[in-house]
Protein backbone atom coordinates (compact mmCIF):
# COMPACT_ATOMS: atom_id res chain seq x y z
CA MET A 1 67.19 103.02 245.66
CA ARG A 2 65.64 101.31 249.03
CA LEU A 3 62.87 103.48 248.90
CA LEU A 4 61.82 103.00 245.10
CA PHE A 5 62.14 99.15 246.24
CA TRP A 6 59.96 99.17 249.19
CA CYS A 7 57.10 101.55 247.45
CA PHE A 8 56.94 98.67 244.70
CA CYS A 9 56.34 96.14 246.71
CA LEU A 10 53.95 97.92 248.94
CA LEU A 11 52.00 98.61 245.75
CA VAL A 12 52.10 95.13 244.93
CA LEU A 13 50.82 93.91 248.21
CA ASP A 14 48.05 96.75 247.97
CA SER A 15 46.81 95.07 244.58
CA CYS A 16 46.94 91.88 246.15
CA THR A 17 44.95 92.95 249.37
CA GLY A 18 42.92 95.59 248.45
CA ASN A 19 39.34 95.55 249.49
CA LEU A 20 36.90 94.33 247.50
CA PHE A 21 34.84 97.26 247.35
CA PRO A 22 37.08 100.06 247.43
CA PRO A 23 36.13 103.35 248.32
CA GLY A 24 33.94 105.46 245.88
CA ASN A 25 32.25 102.04 244.61
CA LEU A 26 28.75 101.43 246.01
CA LEU A 27 28.18 97.93 244.83
CA GLY A 28 28.46 96.62 248.70
CA GLU A 29 25.70 98.91 249.79
CA THR A 30 23.57 98.29 246.63
CA LEU A 31 23.79 94.56 246.80
CA ASP A 32 22.97 94.94 250.59
CA ALA A 33 20.12 97.55 250.09
CA LEU A 34 18.45 94.36 247.08
CA GLU A 35 19.06 91.99 250.21
CA LYS A 36 16.94 93.79 252.81
CA GLY A 37 14.11 94.41 250.08
CA LEU A 38 14.20 90.96 248.76
CA GLU A 39 13.81 89.49 252.47
CA TYR A 40 11.26 92.26 253.31
CA MET A 41 9.13 90.98 250.68
CA HIS A 42 9.51 87.22 251.76
CA ARG A 43 8.39 88.33 254.95
CA LYS A 44 5.34 90.15 253.52
CA LEU A 45 4.70 87.23 251.41
CA ASP A 46 0.27 87.98 252.31
CA ALA A 47 0.23 91.10 251.79
CA ILE A 48 2.07 92.33 248.74
CA ASN A 49 0.43 92.79 244.96
CA LEU A 50 0.76 91.47 241.95
CA ASP A 51 3.10 94.27 240.53
CA ALA A 52 5.45 94.07 243.54
CA VAL A 53 5.55 90.26 242.68
CA PHE A 54 6.38 90.95 239.17
CA CYS A 55 9.36 93.26 240.15
CA VAL A 56 10.90 90.51 242.43
CA ARG A 57 10.01 87.84 239.67
CA GLN A 58 12.25 90.41 237.23
CA ALA A 59 14.91 91.01 239.99
CA GLN A 60 15.49 86.87 239.70
CA GLU A 61 15.66 86.84 235.63
CA GLN A 62 18.24 89.45 235.90
CA LEU A 63 20.36 88.42 238.61
CA GLN A 64 20.67 85.04 236.71
CA SER A 65 21.00 86.59 233.42
CA PHE A 66 24.29 88.66 234.94
CA LEU A 67 25.99 85.37 235.62
CA ASP A 68 25.15 83.98 232.69
CA ASN A 69 26.18 86.98 230.47
CA GLU A 70 29.19 88.54 232.44
CA PRO A 71 30.66 85.84 234.66
CA GLU A 72 33.93 87.53 234.72
CA VAL A 73 32.40 90.86 235.91
CA PHE A 74 30.54 88.93 239.09
CA GLU A 75 33.07 86.42 239.79
CA ALA A 76 33.81 87.74 242.93
CA VAL A 77 30.34 88.28 244.39
CA ARG A 78 28.78 85.12 242.71
CA PRO A 79 28.03 83.36 245.49
CA ARG A 80 26.25 86.93 246.80
CA ILE A 81 24.42 87.03 243.34
CA GLU A 82 23.32 83.13 243.55
CA LYS A 83 22.06 83.58 247.17
CA LEU A 84 20.05 87.15 245.93
CA ARG A 85 18.59 85.07 242.82
CA ASP A 86 17.56 82.40 244.67
CA LEU A 87 15.49 84.40 247.24
CA ALA A 88 13.84 86.54 244.67
CA LYS A 89 12.79 83.04 242.89
CA LYS A 90 11.47 81.66 246.16
CA THR A 91 9.57 85.16 247.12
CA ALA A 92 8.07 84.92 243.83
CA ASP A 93 7.12 81.53 243.33
CA GLU A 94 5.46 81.11 246.65
CA ALA A 95 3.58 84.66 246.39
CA THR A 96 2.01 83.67 242.76
CA PRO A 97 -0.33 81.41 244.44
CA LEU A 98 -1.66 83.44 246.98
CA ILE A 99 -1.80 86.51 243.94
CA LYS A 100 -3.88 84.17 242.18
CA GLU A 101 -6.39 84.25 245.23
CA HIS A 102 -6.25 87.83 246.41
CA GLU A 103 -6.27 89.59 243.15
CA PRO A 104 -8.19 87.21 240.97
CA GLN A 105 -9.40 89.70 238.43
CA TYR A 106 -5.88 91.37 237.69
CA TYR A 107 -4.62 88.04 238.12
CA LYS A 108 -6.62 86.85 235.38
CA VAL A 109 -5.34 89.71 232.87
CA VAL A 110 -1.50 89.98 233.41
CA GLY A 111 -0.40 87.10 235.88
CA GLN A 112 1.26 85.25 233.15
CA HIS A 113 4.05 87.68 233.50
CA LEU A 114 4.62 86.29 236.58
CA LYS A 115 6.29 83.15 235.27
CA GLU A 116 9.62 82.44 234.99
CA LYS A 117 11.58 83.10 231.71
CA LYS A 118 14.76 83.60 230.60
CA VAL A 119 15.66 87.08 229.78
CA ASP A 120 18.04 88.60 226.54
CA TRP A 121 20.94 90.63 227.21
CA PHE A 122 21.70 94.56 226.31
CA PRO A 123 24.83 95.76 226.33
CA SER A 124 25.79 98.64 228.37
CA LYS A 125 25.20 101.77 226.61
CA ASP A 126 24.10 105.54 226.95
CA THR A 127 21.01 107.65 226.21
CA SER A 128 21.55 109.96 223.45
CA GLU A 129 20.08 113.84 223.51
CA ASP A 130 19.41 113.38 219.77
CA TYR A 131 16.14 111.60 220.44
CA VAL A 132 14.87 113.92 223.32
CA VAL A 133 12.05 115.69 222.09
CA GLU A 134 9.74 118.35 223.96
CA ALA A 135 7.53 117.08 227.23
CA VAL A 136 3.91 117.12 226.02
CA ASN A 137 1.99 119.48 228.20
CA CYS A 138 0.40 118.20 231.53
CA SER A 139 -2.99 119.76 230.00
CA VAL A 140 -2.55 117.36 226.99
CA TYR A 141 -0.72 114.24 228.57
CA HIS A 142 -3.12 111.09 228.81
CA TYR A 143 -2.48 107.37 228.89
CA ASP A 144 -5.02 104.71 228.85
CA TRP A 145 -4.37 102.69 232.00
CA GLU A 146 -7.17 100.39 230.93
CA THR A 147 -6.06 99.75 227.21
CA GLU A 148 -2.64 99.28 228.48
CA ASN A 149 -3.95 96.04 231.05
CA ASP A 150 -5.65 94.48 227.81
CA CYS A 151 -2.12 95.05 225.82
CA TYR A 152 -0.30 93.24 228.68
CA ASN A 153 -2.84 90.38 228.39
CA ALA A 154 -2.49 90.37 224.75
CA VAL A 155 1.19 89.85 224.94
CA SER A 156 1.10 87.16 227.50
CA LYS A 157 -1.46 84.92 225.46
CA GLY A 158 0.52 85.15 222.51
CA LYS A 159 2.59 82.11 221.36
CA GLY A 160 5.62 83.10 219.23
CA HIS A 161 5.27 85.18 216.36
CA ALA A 162 1.49 84.41 216.30
CA CYS A 163 1.11 86.98 219.16
CA GLU A 164 -2.05 89.02 218.07
CA VAL A 165 -1.18 92.39 219.47
CA PRO A 166 -3.86 94.89 218.39
CA GLN A 167 -2.69 97.57 216.41
CA SER A 168 -4.10 99.77 218.88
CA CYS A 169 -1.61 98.67 221.58
CA ILE A 170 1.47 98.98 219.16
CA ASP A 171 0.14 102.96 218.55
CA LEU A 172 0.00 103.55 221.98
CA ASN A 173 3.24 102.09 222.68
CA LYS A 174 4.95 104.18 220.07
CA HIS A 175 3.74 107.43 220.41
CA ASP A 176 6.08 110.29 220.81
CA GLU A 177 4.43 112.62 223.17
CA GLN A 178 4.62 110.41 226.13
CA ARG A 179 6.03 111.01 229.86
CA PHE A 180 5.99 109.86 233.33
CA TYR A 181 4.43 106.49 233.76
CA GLY A 182 3.26 106.80 230.50
CA LEU A 183 6.59 106.76 228.85
CA THR A 184 8.01 104.17 231.56
CA HIS A 185 5.04 102.01 230.35
CA GLN A 186 5.82 102.01 227.10
CA VAL A 187 9.12 100.51 227.93
CA LEU A 188 8.01 97.90 229.61
CA PHE A 189 5.35 96.75 226.80
CA TRP A 190 8.29 96.61 224.51
CA GLN A 191 10.43 94.58 227.05
CA LEU A 192 7.25 92.28 227.61
CA MET A 193 6.83 92.10 223.58
CA HIS A 194 10.67 90.76 223.39
CA LYS A 195 10.36 88.50 226.16
CA PHE A 196 7.08 86.62 225.43
CA ARG A 197 8.78 86.85 221.82
CA CYS A 198 6.24 88.47 220.29
CA ILE A 199 8.59 90.43 218.13
CA GLU A 200 12.57 88.74 217.87
CA SER A 201 14.01 91.99 219.17
CA VAL A 202 13.52 95.64 219.89
CA PRO A 203 14.96 98.05 217.47
CA GLU A 204 17.65 100.05 219.10
CA GLU A 205 16.41 103.23 217.70
CA LEU A 206 13.61 102.56 219.70
CA GLN A 207 15.22 101.58 223.00
CA GLN A 208 17.11 105.17 222.57
CA ARG A 209 13.95 107.01 221.73
CA LEU A 210 12.07 105.73 224.64
CA CYS A 211 14.64 105.87 227.09
CA SER A 212 16.45 109.00 226.29
CA ASN A 213 13.03 110.88 226.86
CA VAL A 214 12.68 108.63 230.07
CA MET A 215 16.35 110.23 231.02
CA ARG A 216 14.58 113.65 230.34
CA ASP A 217 11.67 112.77 233.03
CA ALA A 218 13.85 111.45 235.25
CA LYS A 219 16.59 114.59 235.25
CA GLN A 220 13.51 116.91 236.03
CA LEU A 221 12.89 114.89 239.30
CA ALA A 222 16.39 115.32 240.26
CA GLU A 223 16.63 118.58 239.66
CA ALA A 224 12.98 119.20 241.51
CA ASN A 225 15.63 117.20 244.41
CA PHE A 226 13.22 114.05 243.84
CA PRO A 227 9.48 115.28 245.15
CA ALA A 228 8.25 112.54 247.41
CA ARG A 229 4.97 111.82 245.08
CA ASP A 230 7.22 111.29 242.68
CA ILE A 231 9.89 108.50 244.03
CA ASP A 232 7.99 105.45 242.62
CA LEU A 233 8.51 106.84 239.27
CA PHE A 234 12.29 107.56 239.53
CA LEU A 235 12.66 104.28 240.89
CA GLU A 236 10.80 102.82 237.63
CA GLN A 237 12.48 104.95 235.25
CA VAL A 238 15.81 103.62 236.92
CA GLY A 239 14.97 100.04 236.84
CA VAL A 240 12.90 99.75 233.29
CA CYS A 241 15.54 101.58 231.30
CA GLY A 242 18.25 99.71 233.26
CA PHE A 243 16.95 96.44 231.87
CA TRP A 244 18.29 97.74 228.32
CA GLY A 245 21.55 98.29 229.54
CA PHE A 246 21.50 102.06 229.56
CA ARG A 247 24.05 102.91 232.42
CA ASP A 248 23.71 106.75 232.65
CA PHE A 249 20.86 105.94 234.89
CA ASN A 250 23.38 104.75 237.23
CA GLN A 251 24.61 108.01 238.37
CA PRO A 252 26.66 108.00 242.49
CA GLU A 253 24.36 110.75 243.75
CA TRP A 254 21.16 109.08 242.39
CA LEU A 255 22.23 105.84 243.41
CA ARG A 256 23.06 107.47 246.75
CA SER A 257 19.60 108.70 247.32
CA MET A 258 18.00 105.50 246.65
CA LEU A 259 19.93 103.75 249.15
CA LYS A 260 18.89 106.71 251.63
CA TRP A 261 14.96 106.18 250.99
CA GLN A 262 15.41 102.59 252.04
CA HIS A 263 14.07 102.11 255.62
CA GLU A 264 16.05 99.59 257.79
CA SER A 265 13.33 97.09 257.40
CA GLY A 266 13.70 97.09 253.80
CA CYS A 267 10.55 98.77 252.10
CA TYR A 268 10.29 102.25 250.86
CA THR A 269 7.19 104.11 252.26
CA TYR A 270 6.76 106.60 249.41
CA HIS A 271 3.87 105.76 247.40
CA SER A 272 2.95 106.22 243.84
CA GLY A 273 0.51 108.51 241.89
CA GLU A 274 -0.64 109.58 238.59
CA TYR A 275 0.53 113.22 238.74
CA CYS A 276 1.96 115.43 236.26
CA PHE A 277 5.16 117.25 237.02
CA ASP A 278 3.23 120.36 235.48
CA GLU A 279 0.94 120.54 237.63
CA ILE A 280 1.07 122.66 241.06
CA PRO A 281 2.02 120.33 243.87
CA ASP A 282 -1.27 119.82 245.46
CA GLU A 283 -1.19 116.75 247.33
CA SER A 284 -4.86 116.65 248.25
CA ARG A 285 -5.44 116.27 244.44
CA ARG A 286 -3.11 113.38 243.79
CA ARG A 287 -4.66 109.94 243.17
CA VAL A 288 -2.90 106.94 244.49
CA LYS A 289 -1.54 104.80 241.46
CA ARG A 290 -3.97 102.12 240.98
CA GLU A 291 -1.63 99.35 241.40
CA GLU A 292 -0.35 100.94 244.72
CA LYS A 293 -1.23 98.72 248.17
CA GLU A 294 -0.21 100.48 251.66
CA LEU A 295 0.79 97.71 253.70
CA ASP A 296 0.29 97.45 257.62
CA ASP A 297 3.66 99.03 258.63
CA GLY A 298 3.30 101.95 256.38
CA CYS A 299 5.22 100.97 253.82
CA TYR A 300 4.15 100.65 249.61
CA SER A 301 3.84 97.39 247.68
CA HIS A 302 4.93 98.88 244.18
CA THR A 303 7.20 101.55 245.39
CA THR A 304 9.16 98.95 247.24
CA GLY A 305 8.95 96.63 244.23
CA VAL A 306 10.46 98.82 241.79
CA SER A 307 13.07 99.48 243.92
CA MET A 308 13.92 96.24 243.55
CA LEU A 309 14.34 96.75 239.92
CA ALA A 310 16.12 100.04 240.44
CA LEU A 311 18.91 98.27 242.62
CA VAL A 312 19.36 94.78 240.26
CA VAL A 313 20.66 97.26 237.52
CA SER A 314 22.25 99.41 239.90
CA VAL A 315 24.06 95.93 240.89
CA ARG A 316 25.08 95.45 237.42
CA PHE A 317 26.84 98.83 236.75
CA GLU A 318 28.69 99.13 239.92
CA ALA A 319 30.05 95.53 239.30
CA GLU A 320 30.73 96.62 235.58
CA LYS A 321 32.65 99.77 236.93
CA LEU A 322 34.09 97.80 239.66
CA SER A 323 35.39 95.37 236.93
CA GLN A 324 37.05 97.97 234.82
CA THR A 325 38.94 99.80 237.22
CA ASN A 326 40.31 96.43 238.62
CA LEU A 327 41.20 95.84 235.05
CA GLN A 328 42.84 99.47 234.64
CA GLN A 329 44.86 98.68 238.00
CA SER A 330 45.87 95.54 236.63
CA ASN A 331 47.33 96.78 233.50
CA SER A 332 49.09 99.94 235.44
CA SER A 333 50.66 96.96 237.76
CA TYR A 334 51.89 95.05 234.47
CA GLU A 335 53.52 98.59 233.26
CA LEU A 336 55.20 98.87 236.50
CA TRP A 337 56.52 95.60 236.76
CA PRO A 338 60.09 96.21 235.13
CA LEU A 339 60.41 98.57 237.67
CA ILE A 340 60.74 95.37 239.93
CA PHE A 341 63.97 94.65 238.08
CA ILE A 342 65.91 98.27 238.76
CA PRO A 343 66.95 96.89 242.65
CA ILE A 344 67.58 93.41 241.51
CA ILE A 345 69.96 94.50 238.83
CA LEU A 346 71.64 97.57 240.78
CA LEU A 347 71.77 96.22 244.21
CA PRO A 348 74.56 93.60 243.02
CA LEU A 349 76.31 96.21 240.89
CA ILE A 350 76.53 98.16 244.12
CA TYR A 351 77.41 95.77 246.03
CA ILE A 352 80.15 94.57 243.64
CA CYS A 353 81.22 98.40 243.36
CA ARG A 354 81.24 99.00 247.28
CA LYS A 355 83.70 95.53 247.40
CA LYS A 356 86.20 96.78 244.87
CA CYS A 357 86.29 100.34 246.41
CA SER A 358 87.21 98.43 249.46
CA ARG A 359 89.75 96.73 248.04
CA ASN A 360 91.22 99.47 246.37
CA GLN A 361 91.42 101.47 249.53
CA ASP A 362 92.94 98.36 251.56
CA SER A 363 95.77 97.96 248.45
CA SER A 364 96.27 102.08 249.12
CA ILE A 365 96.45 101.22 252.56
CA ILE A 366 99.13 98.40 252.64
CA GLN A 367 101.16 100.07 249.63
CA ASN A 368 101.65 103.30 252.17
């Protein structure tokens, strides 16, 4: 009986004094990695390119959205989230005028996307095999990058539902037979259309169709053990679909790989390229992605930028998993509460019984 009592006491104490990040939960490591990445970006304000600053701004907006929409999930780490949000904002604010000076032509086309905006919230969900289509062969795969920039420009210049986005942009970004960067940039296009209020919402069916096929591509990269040339792409896949709440991109082994790829400085050194997975891996034929920029320390601006997107959505999903685990443990504790009354009730009864037995024995001895 005493063993039962003390086991229960230890159970209660453990639930009250347990670690904030228990074994198996990667939230703490992911927060650390995100902070290192943002600190790196802030140290490299003069060097990072527009795409990297865009990713930092999106990270800031996502962190604020976490606090606005799931305050109970992030309550335990709220001060840390606020600190990271403020660092991301400071970095994006200070980098924007430098980008305007260093990349005037690119800034003229898509610079409006660096402005801070409130983003909408998308509940957590999973992709579906029902929407997966066979990937188009690399021999016919094509994505018009120049038209893409014109489309982004049309979105950011729009005002409300008066956005004058050409039909060619709509067709390009609803095309079924896309893959890799072409597919992730379709996702990004619809996210920007929603963010700038060119559309009221992104249909759930469209979200599912696009990100289920992004998942198809991400699984290909994972099965190939994440070729170095495709790490930038993989980080982008996790980031853009995580924004829409697709939690199945948050897989423990994938996240551990992302954390492992980060250098101690906070940056990533795997540069991106316009490369199709069907082709024979020949680095000499690979063309560096036009928005990429190698920094003086060998790190890459775009890759480090998209890593911020991948890490920030991973923070969300790890926090949600931890919150759910804590809720389940709390419910289990409530179920065990009645056990505490067993020793409370039985111990006095045992004491009374022992006293009574002792008295009977004494009476028997006296009578004898």
